[in-house]
């Protein structure tokens, strides 16, 4: 078996840590960045950046211009930090050209994601016992039971887990001989997704399974509609309660998201070219409400990638973001079509599924605002586009 290069270990450890700890992940990625810079200076690294990187660079440059002219630039620092993080991850991944090393990274991600999922499952049943009286009295089950595993927040967990599921689906399809060994990992992550009580994870992961079955032209596609029905019957009452309330348009969370789309549109209509400025959604939110409208408990972002980016940065930046996504999707579809061998099929299909999942999840949550989600999506997408074809 091919050995892993010593220079790669900080990057691989940073990726392994992503489903479990942002502090550890960013610590090891910082070391990986320093190693990559040294290798570049010594001319030992030969970076290969995919075409989509240059479209992202245009988008990032436009972000910086809007941020510079924002009425309150200090509030937009988190957005700029995400740009710097993305640039760093692009750089450290640019010479990641070994399929074996990528598989090592993905397998470690599967293991750490499973540990986080085990913790989430344990928390669910522990809280179910502790808060059984409050839930029986009519309390919102999700308020008492939802957690994010080792990542603590359920939306961060869901964003990362969507990309992990894309990897598991790609791995399951590309390596049939490995299925028995990795079945417990798949089962644990699937159970954790159900018990996370997070609609975004439920919907997105089910759609990713559907997309994969369509690609395979599998007869199992006809079973997909039965999955939610079976789970609804066999899962704990708390899960069924969450399904019932979450599907009600009058449920506060649904009403808030609809309100946020309207608010985002009003922000964009008033500031079409430069938006209201990065980081200013929370401070400006109530200004765009109608008299008597309830104010959401949390309105730091608009729970939708497209709406949030357009409201903060304006129409030109939103178009640049859309162009970046379109080019990346096109190149991933092409790479998948040309992929030969299980390794290339795994990497290209995982990258494509991960991006599709990230976009679907971004309709329910501002996934572009989660650092770990950004690390994971760049890792899923960049290597299959940047690696030399073999």
Protein backbone atom coordinates (compact mmCIF):
# COMPACT_ATOMS: atom_id res chain seq x y z
CA UNK A 1 0.00 0.00 0.00
CA UNK A 2 1.24 3.46 -0.86
CA UNK A 3 2.54 5.42 2.14
CA UNK A 4 1.11 8.82 3.00
CA UNK A 5 3.56 11.66 2.47
CA UNK A 6 4.75 13.24 5.73
CA UNK A 7 3.90 16.68 4.40
CA UNK A 8 0.27 15.63 3.97
CA UNK A 9 -0.43 14.58 7.55
CA UNK A 10 -1.30 18.04 8.96
CA UNK A 11 -3.86 18.47 6.16
CA UNK A 12 -5.28 14.98 6.63
CA UNK A 13 -5.53 15.46 10.41
CA UNK A 14 -7.28 18.78 9.87
CA UNK A 15 -9.82 17.08 7.61
CA UNK A 16 -10.28 14.19 10.04
CA UNK A 17 -11.09 16.69 12.78
CA UNK A 18 -13.68 18.64 10.74
CA UNK A 19 -16.73 16.54 11.77
CA UNK A 20 -15.73 16.76 15.44
CA UNK A 21 -13.94 20.00 16.32
CA UNK A 22 -13.48 23.34 14.61
CA UNK A 23 -10.56 24.22 16.89
CA UNK A 24 -8.61 21.07 16.04
CA UNK A 25 -9.48 21.28 12.36
CA UNK A 26 -8.32 24.88 11.99
CA UNK A 27 -5.19 24.18 14.10
CA UNK A 28 -4.00 21.37 11.82
CA UNK A 29 -5.03 23.25 8.68
CA UNK A 30 -2.92 26.22 9.83
CA UNK A 31 0.07 23.90 10.07
CA UNK A 32 -0.79 22.47 6.64
CA UNK A 33 -0.88 25.98 5.22
CA UNK A 34 2.58 26.79 6.60
CA UNK A 35 3.91 23.50 5.21
CA UNK A 36 2.43 24.27 1.80
CA UNK A 37 3.89 27.79 1.75
CA UNK A 38 7.34 26.39 2.59
CA UNK A 39 7.00 23.76 -0.13
CA UNK A 40 6.00 26.43 -2.64
CA UNK A 41 8.96 28.62 -1.69
CA UNK A 42 11.27 25.62 -2.04
CA UNK A 43 9.59 24.76 -5.35
CA UNK A 44 8.71 21.29 -4.08
CA UNK A 45 5.00 21.86 -4.65
CA UNK A 46 3.31 22.20 -8.01
CA UNK A 47 -0.17 23.57 -7.33
CA UNK A 48 -3.01 22.76 -9.68
CA UNK A 49 -6.00 25.00 -9.20
CA UNK A 50 -9.29 24.06 -10.91
CA UNK A 51 -10.96 26.48 -13.27
CA UNK A 52 -13.69 27.23 -10.75
CA UNK A 53 -11.06 28.74 -8.41
CA UNK A 54 -10.63 31.74 -10.71
CA UNK A 55 -14.37 32.35 -10.76
CA UNK A 56 -14.37 32.11 -6.96
CA UNK A 57 -11.49 34.61 -6.89
CA UNK A 58 -13.57 37.12 -8.87
CA UNK A 59 -16.47 36.57 -6.49
CA UNK A 60 -14.19 36.98 -3.46
CA UNK A 61 -12.69 40.18 -4.89
CA UNK A 62 -16.14 41.66 -5.38
CA UNK A 63 -17.00 40.69 -1.79
CA UNK A 64 -13.98 42.58 -0.52
CA UNK A 65 -14.88 45.69 -2.54
CA UNK A 66 -18.42 45.72 -1.13
CA UNK A 67 -17.08 45.13 2.39
CA UNK A 68 -14.65 48.05 2.00
CA UNK A 69 -17.47 50.45 1.20
CA UNK A 70 -19.86 49.05 3.81
CA UNK A 71 -21.24 51.55 6.35
CA UNK A 72 -19.97 49.25 9.12
CA UNK A 73 -17.02 47.18 7.84
CA UNK A 74 -16.27 45.74 11.28
CA UNK A 75 -19.56 43.83 11.25
CA UNK A 76 -18.53 42.00 8.06
CA UNK A 77 -15.30 40.57 9.37
CA UNK A 78 -16.77 37.06 9.71
CA UNK A 79 -17.56 37.03 5.98
CA UNK A 80 -14.00 38.13 5.13
CA UNK A 81 -12.63 35.51 7.50
CA UNK A 82 -14.54 32.87 5.56
CA UNK A 83 -12.96 34.13 2.33
CA UNK A 84 -9.50 33.84 3.87
CA UNK A 85 -10.34 30.34 5.11
CA UNK A 86 -11.51 29.29 1.66
CA UNK A 87 -8.38 30.70 0.03
CA UNK A 88 -6.21 28.80 2.51
CA UNK A 89 -8.03 25.52 1.92
CA UNK A 90 -7.82 25.99 -1.87
CA UNK A 91 -4.07 26.48 -1.48
CA UNK A 92 -3.36 23.50 0.76
CA UNK A 93 -5.48 21.23 -1.43
CA UNK A 94 -3.91 22.44 -4.68
CA UNK A 95 -1.17 19.79 -4.72
CA UNK A 96 -3.23 16.96 -3.22
CA UNK A 97 -2.81 14.58 -6.17
CA UNK A 98 -2.83 11.08 -4.67
CA UNK A 99 -6.08 9.13 -4.75
CA UNK A 100 -4.73 6.93 -1.95
CA UNK A 101 -4.13 9.93 0.31
CA UNK A 102 -7.58 11.29 -0.48
CA UNK A 103 -9.11 7.94 0.48
CA UNK A 104 -7.18 8.00 3.76
CA UNK A 105 -8.60 11.46 4.42
CA UNK A 106 -12.15 10.41 3.59
CA UNK A 107 -12.02 7.25 5.72
CA UNK A 108 -10.82 9.28 8.69
CA UNK A 109 -13.68 11.73 8.11
CA UNK A 110 -16.15 8.82 8.11
CA UNK A 111 -14.78 7.59 11.44
CA UNK A 112 -14.79 10.99 13.18
CA UNK A 113 -18.28 11.74 11.81
CA UNK A 114 -19.43 8.40 13.23
CA UNK A 115 -18.00 9.26 16.66
CA UNK A 116 -19.88 12.56 16.55
CA UNK A 117 -23.03 10.71 15.51
CA UNK A 118 -22.68 8.23 18.37
CA UNK A 119 -22.44 11.16 20.77
CA UNK A 120 -25.54 12.75 19.21
CA UNK A 121 -27.54 9.51 19.57
CA UNK A 122 -26.47 9.16 23.21
CA UNK A 123 -27.44 12.78 23.91
CA UNK A 124 -30.83 12.26 22.29
CA UNK A 125 -31.81 9.35 24.53
CA UNK A 126 -30.29 10.95 27.62
CA UNK A 127 -32.29 14.14 27.07
CA UNK A 128 -35.37 12.12 26.19
CA UNK A 129 -35.22 10.61 29.68
CA UNK A 130 -34.32 13.84 31.49
CA UNK A 131 -37.00 15.99 29.79
CA UNK A 132 -39.72 13.34 29.43
CA UNK A 133 -42.14 15.25 31.66
CA UNK A 134 -41.71 18.56 29.80
CA UNK A 135 -42.19 16.84 26.43
CA UNK A 136 -45.24 14.89 27.71
CA UNK A 137 -46.75 18.20 28.86
CA UNK A 138 -46.68 19.47 25.29
CA UNK A 139 -43.22 21.00 25.06
CA UNK A 140 -41.49 21.29 21.70
CA UNK A 141 -39.43 18.09 21.45
CA UNK A 142 -36.81 19.69 19.23
CA UNK A 143 -36.16 22.39 21.85
CA UNK A 144 -35.22 19.76 24.43
CA UNK A 145 -33.69 17.01 22.31
CA UNK A 146 -31.83 18.56 19.40
CA UNK A 147 -28.04 18.65 19.53
CA UNK A 148 -25.13 18.70 17.14
CA UNK A 149 -23.07 15.80 18.39
CA UNK A 150 -19.46 16.79 19.00
CA UNK A 151 -20.09 19.98 17.00
CA UNK A 152 -22.78 21.02 19.54
CA UNK A 153 -25.00 23.00 17.16
CA UNK A 154 -27.43 20.98 15.05
CA UNK A 155 -27.17 23.17 11.95
CA UNK A 156 -23.37 22.95 11.89
CA UNK A 157 -23.64 19.18 12.39
CA UNK A 158 -26.23 18.92 9.61
CA UNK A 159 -24.13 20.96 7.17
CA UNK A 160 -21.06 18.78 7.74
CA UNK A 161 -23.08 15.57 7.84
CA UNK A 162 -24.65 16.26 4.43
CA UNK A 163 -21.16 16.24 2.91
CA UNK A 164 -20.18 13.15 4.92
CA UNK A 165 -23.27 11.38 3.57
CA UNK A 166 -22.27 12.38 0.04
CA UNK A 167 -18.91 10.73 0.69
CA UNK A 168 -20.51 7.59 2.13
CA UNK A 169 -22.85 7.28 -0.86
CA UNK A 170 -19.95 7.71 -3.29
CA UNK A 171 -17.81 5.21 -1.35
CA UNK A 172 -20.65 2.66 -1.14
CA UNK A 173 -21.18 2.85 -4.90
CA UNK A 174 -17.52 2.78 -5.94
CA UNK A 175 -16.24 0.03 -3.64
CA UNK A 176 -18.82 -2.79 -3.31
CA UNK A 177 -16.27 -5.08 -1.64
CA UNK A 178 -15.97 -2.61 1.27
CA UNK A 179 -19.67 -2.46 2.05
CA UNK A 180 -19.80 -5.09 4.78
CA UNK A 181 -16.96 -3.47 6.70
CA UNK A 182 -18.50 0.01 6.55
CA UNK A 183 -22.14 -0.95 7.12
CA UNK A 184 -22.02 -0.03 10.86
CA UNK A 185 -20.69 3.42 9.93
CA UNK A 186 -23.53 3.97 7.46
CA UNK A 187 -26.12 2.73 9.97
CA UNK A 188 -24.88 4.95 12.81
CA UNK A 189 -24.76 8.08 10.66
CA UNK A 190 -28.23 7.35 9.27
CA UNK A 191 -29.65 6.91 12.77
CA UNK A 192 -28.02 10.14 13.94
CA UNK A 193 -29.48 12.07 11.02
CA UNK A 194 -32.97 10.87 11.92
CA UNK A 195 -32.48 11.67 15.63
CA UNK A 196 -30.92 15.07 14.90
CA UNK A 197 -34.50 16.33 14.35
CA UNK A 198 -33.13 18.61 11.62
CA UNK A 199 -35.35 18.88 8.54
CA UNK A 200 -32.56 20.17 6.36
CA UNK A 201 -30.52 17.01 6.98
CA UNK A 202 -33.53 14.74 6.45
CA UNK A 203 -34.57 16.27 3.14
CA UNK A 204 -31.09 16.76 1.71
CA UNK A 205 -29.76 13.29 2.53
CA UNK A 206 -32.88 11.61 1.13
CA UNK A 207 -32.50 13.60 -2.09
CA UNK A 208 -28.82 12.61 -2.37
CA UNK A 209 -29.78 8.95 -2.07
CA UNK A 210 -32.39 9.51 -4.77
CA UNK A 211 -29.89 11.18 -7.11
CA UNK A 212 -27.44 8.31 -6.69
CA UNK A 213 -30.11 5.69 -7.41
CA UNK A 214 -31.12 7.61 -10.54
CA UNK A 215 -27.50 7.57 -11.70
CA UNK A 216 -27.36 3.80 -11.09
CA UNK A 217 -30.78 3.25 -12.69
CA UNK A 218 -31.47 1.13 -9.65
CA UNK A 219 -34.82 -0.49 -8.95
CA UNK A 220 -34.33 0.54 -5.31
CA UNK A 221 -35.44 4.00 -6.44
CA UNK A 222 -39.05 2.84 -6.01
CA UNK A 223 -38.35 2.16 -2.33
CA UNK A 224 -37.26 5.75 -1.58
CA UNK A 225 -40.80 7.12 -1.03
CA UNK A 226 -41.34 4.37 1.57
CA UNK A 227 -38.32 5.37 3.65
CA UNK A 228 -39.97 8.39 5.36
CA UNK A 229 -43.12 6.34 6.01
CA UNK A 230 -41.21 3.45 7.59
CA UNK A 231 -39.10 5.79 9.70
CA UNK A 232 -42.21 7.66 10.82
CA UNK A 233 -43.64 4.38 12.13
CA UNK A 234 -40.55 2.96 13.86
CA UNK A 235 -38.93 6.08 15.31
CA UNK A 236 -39.61 7.51 18.78
CA UNK A 237 -42.62 9.73 19.32
CA UNK A 238 -40.35 12.78 19.54
CA UNK A 239 -39.29 12.28 15.92
CA UNK A 240 -42.88 11.85 14.75
CA UNK A 241 -43.86 14.99 16.65
CA UNK A 242 -41.05 16.90 14.95
CA UNK A 243 -42.21 15.73 11.52
CA UNK A 244 -45.78 16.79 12.24
CA UNK A 245 -44.96 20.25 13.55
CA UNK A 246 -42.22 20.94 10.99
CA UNK A 247 -44.59 20.26 8.10
CA UNK A 248 -47.10 22.83 9.40
CA UNK A 249 -46.66 26.19 7.65
CA UNK A 250 -47.95 27.89 10.79
CA UNK A 251 -45.09 26.46 12.83
CA UNK A 252 -42.94 29.35 14.06
CA UNK A 253 -39.77 28.16 12.33
CA UNK A 254 -41.51 27.93 8.95
CA UNK A 255 -43.16 31.32 9.42
CA UNK A 256 -39.80 32.89 10.32
CA UNK A 257 -38.10 31.51 7.22
CA UNK A 258 -40.84 32.83 4.96
CA UNK A 259 -40.58 36.18 6.70
CA UNK A 260 -36.79 36.20 6.19
CA UNK A 261 -37.16 35.71 2.44
CA UNK A 262 -39.46 38.73 2.32
CA UNK A 263 -37.07 40.77 4.47
CA UNK A 264 -34.13 39.79 2.28
CA UNK A 265 -36.03 40.85 -0.84
CA UNK A 266 -36.81 44.22 0.75
CA UNK A 267 -33.13 44.70 1.64
CA UNK A 268 -32.08 43.87 -1.90
CA UNK A 269 -34.74 46.09 -3.48
CA UNK A 270 -33.55 49.04 -1.40
CA UNK A 271 -29.83 48.36 -1.98
CA UNK A 272 -29.59 46.43 -5.30
CA UNK A 273 -25.96 47.11 -6.19
CA UNK A 274 -24.06 46.81 -2.91
CA UNK A 275 -26.60 45.23 -0.58
CA UNK A 276 -26.94 46.45 2.98
CA UNK A 277 -23.33 45.46 3.74
CA UNK A 278 -21.86 42.20 5.10
CA UNK A 279 -22.72 41.39 8.69
CA UNK A 280 -25.49 44.01 8.92
CA UNK A 281 -28.54 41.73 8.61
CA UNK A 282 -29.16 41.39 12.34
CA UNK A 283 -28.86 45.10 13.09
CA UNK A 284 -31.07 46.07 10.11
CA UNK A 285 -33.64 43.27 10.28
CA UNK A 286 -36.40 44.96 12.26
CA UNK A 287 -36.31 47.99 9.95
CA UNK A 288 -37.74 45.85 7.14
CA UNK A 289 -40.59 44.30 9.12
CA UNK A 290 -44.17 45.43 8.82
CA UNK A 291 -45.80 46.89 11.88
CA UNK A 292 -46.87 44.13 14.24
CA UNK A 293 -44.70 41.42 12.65
CA UNK A 294 -43.05 39.16 15.24
CA UNK A 295 -39.27 39.41 15.52
CA UNK A 296 -37.51 36.01 15.34
CA UNK A 297 -35.46 35.10 18.39
CA UNK A 298 -32.46 34.65 16.08
CA UNK A 299 -32.12 36.76 12.95
CA UNK A 300 -28.37 37.01 12.52
CA UNK A 301 -28.76 35.62 9.00
CA UNK A 302 -31.61 34.83 6.64
CA UNK A 303 -31.39 31.01 6.62
CA UNK A 304 -30.85 30.88 2.86
CA UNK A 305 -27.56 31.17 0.97
CA UNK A 306 -28.89 33.00 -2.08
CA UNK A 307 -31.04 35.43 -0.10
CA UNK A 308 -28.29 36.12 2.44
CA UNK A 309 -25.56 36.74 -0.14
CA UNK A 310 -27.77 38.97 -2.30
CA UNK A 311 -29.07 40.98 0.67
CA UNK A 312 -25.58 41.54 2.07
CA UNK A 313 -23.59 42.11 -1.12
CA UNK A 314 -26.05 43.06 -3.86
CA UNK A 315 -27.03 41.71 -7.27
CA UNK A 316 -23.58 41.81 -9.01
CA UNK A 317 -21.99 39.70 -6.27
CA UNK A 318 -24.95 37.30 -6.29
CA UNK A 319 -24.49 36.85 -10.07
CA UNK A 320 -20.75 36.18 -9.55
CA UNK A 321 -21.62 33.56 -6.91
CA UNK A 322 -24.15 31.95 -9.25
CA UNK A 323 -21.59 31.83 -12.07
CA UNK A 324 -19.05 30.16 -9.76
CA UNK A 325 -21.59 27.51 -8.77
CA UNK A 326 -22.66 26.92 -12.39
CA UNK A 327 -19.06 26.48 -13.60
CA UNK A 328 -18.23 24.15 -10.71
CA UNK A 329 -21.30 21.99 -11.34
CA UNK A 330 -20.56 21.84 -15.07
CA UNK A 331 -16.94 20.79 -14.49
CA UNK A 332 -17.95 18.17 -11.92
CA UNK A 333 -20.51 16.64 -14.28
CA UNK A 334 -17.84 16.51 -16.97
CA UNK A 335 -15.30 14.96 -14.58
CA UNK A 336 -17.81 12.33 -13.53
CA UNK A 337 -18.55 11.48 -17.16
CA UNK A 338 -14.83 11.02 -17.90
CA UNK A 339 -13.96 9.18 -14.66
CA UNK A 340 -12.33 5.79 -15.09
CA UNK A 341 -11.77 3.34 -12.25
CA UNK A 342 -13.30 3.21 -8.76
CA UNK A 343 -11.05 5.91 -7.27
CA UNK A 344 -11.94 8.53 -9.84
CA UNK A 345 -15.61 7.55 -9.78
CA UNK A 346 -15.67 7.87 -6.00
CA UNK A 347 -13.98 11.29 -5.98
CA UNK A 348 -15.99 12.82 -8.82
CA UNK A 349 -19.37 11.48 -7.70
CA UNK A 350 -18.69 12.46 -4.10
CA UNK A 351 -17.74 15.98 -5.18
CA UNK A 352 -20.86 16.32 -7.29
CA UNK A 353 -23.18 14.90 -4.60
CA UNK A 354 -21.55 17.09 -1.95
CA UNK A 355 -22.09 20.25 -3.97
CA UNK A 356 -25.68 19.30 -4.81
CA UNK A 357 -26.30 18.59 -1.12
CA UNK A 358 -24.65 21.83 -0.05
CA UNK A 359 -26.87 23.79 -2.45
CA UNK A 360 -30.05 22.03 -1.33
CA UNK A 361 -29.16 22.51 2.33
CA UNK A 362 -28.47 26.16 1.55
CA UNK A 363 -32.16 26.63 0.79
CA UNK A 364 -32.94 25.97 4.47
CA UNK A 365 -29.85 27.38 6.20
CA UNK A 366 -26.98 29.79 5.59
CA UNK A 367 -24.51 26.95 5.07
CA UNK A 368 -22.02 29.37 3.49
CA UNK A 369 -21.64 30.84 6.97
CA UNK A 370 -20.31 27.65 8.63
CA UNK A 371 -16.51 27.36 8.59
CA UNK A 372 -16.50 23.57 8.91
CA UNK A 373 -19.02 23.26 6.11
CA UNK A 374 -16.78 25.39 3.89
CA UNK A 375 -13.72 23.28 4.70
CA UNK A 376 -15.63 20.11 3.88
CA UNK A 377 -17.21 21.32 0.64
CA UNK A 378 -13.91 22.60 -0.75
CA UNK A 379 -12.25 19.30 0.14
CA UNK A 380 -15.03 17.37 -1.59
CA UNK A 381 -15.03 19.51 -4.74
CA UNK A 382 -11.46 20.66 -5.43
CA UNK A 383 -9.39 17.41 -5.64
CA UNK A 384 -11.51 15.71 -8.31
CA UNK A 385 -11.30 18.87 -10.44
CA UNK A 386 -7.63 19.60 -9.80
CA UNK A 387 -6.10 16.12 -9.93
CA UNK A 388 -4.43 15.07 -13.18
CA UNK A 389 -6.60 12.59 -15.06
CA UNK A 390 -5.22 9.08 -15.10
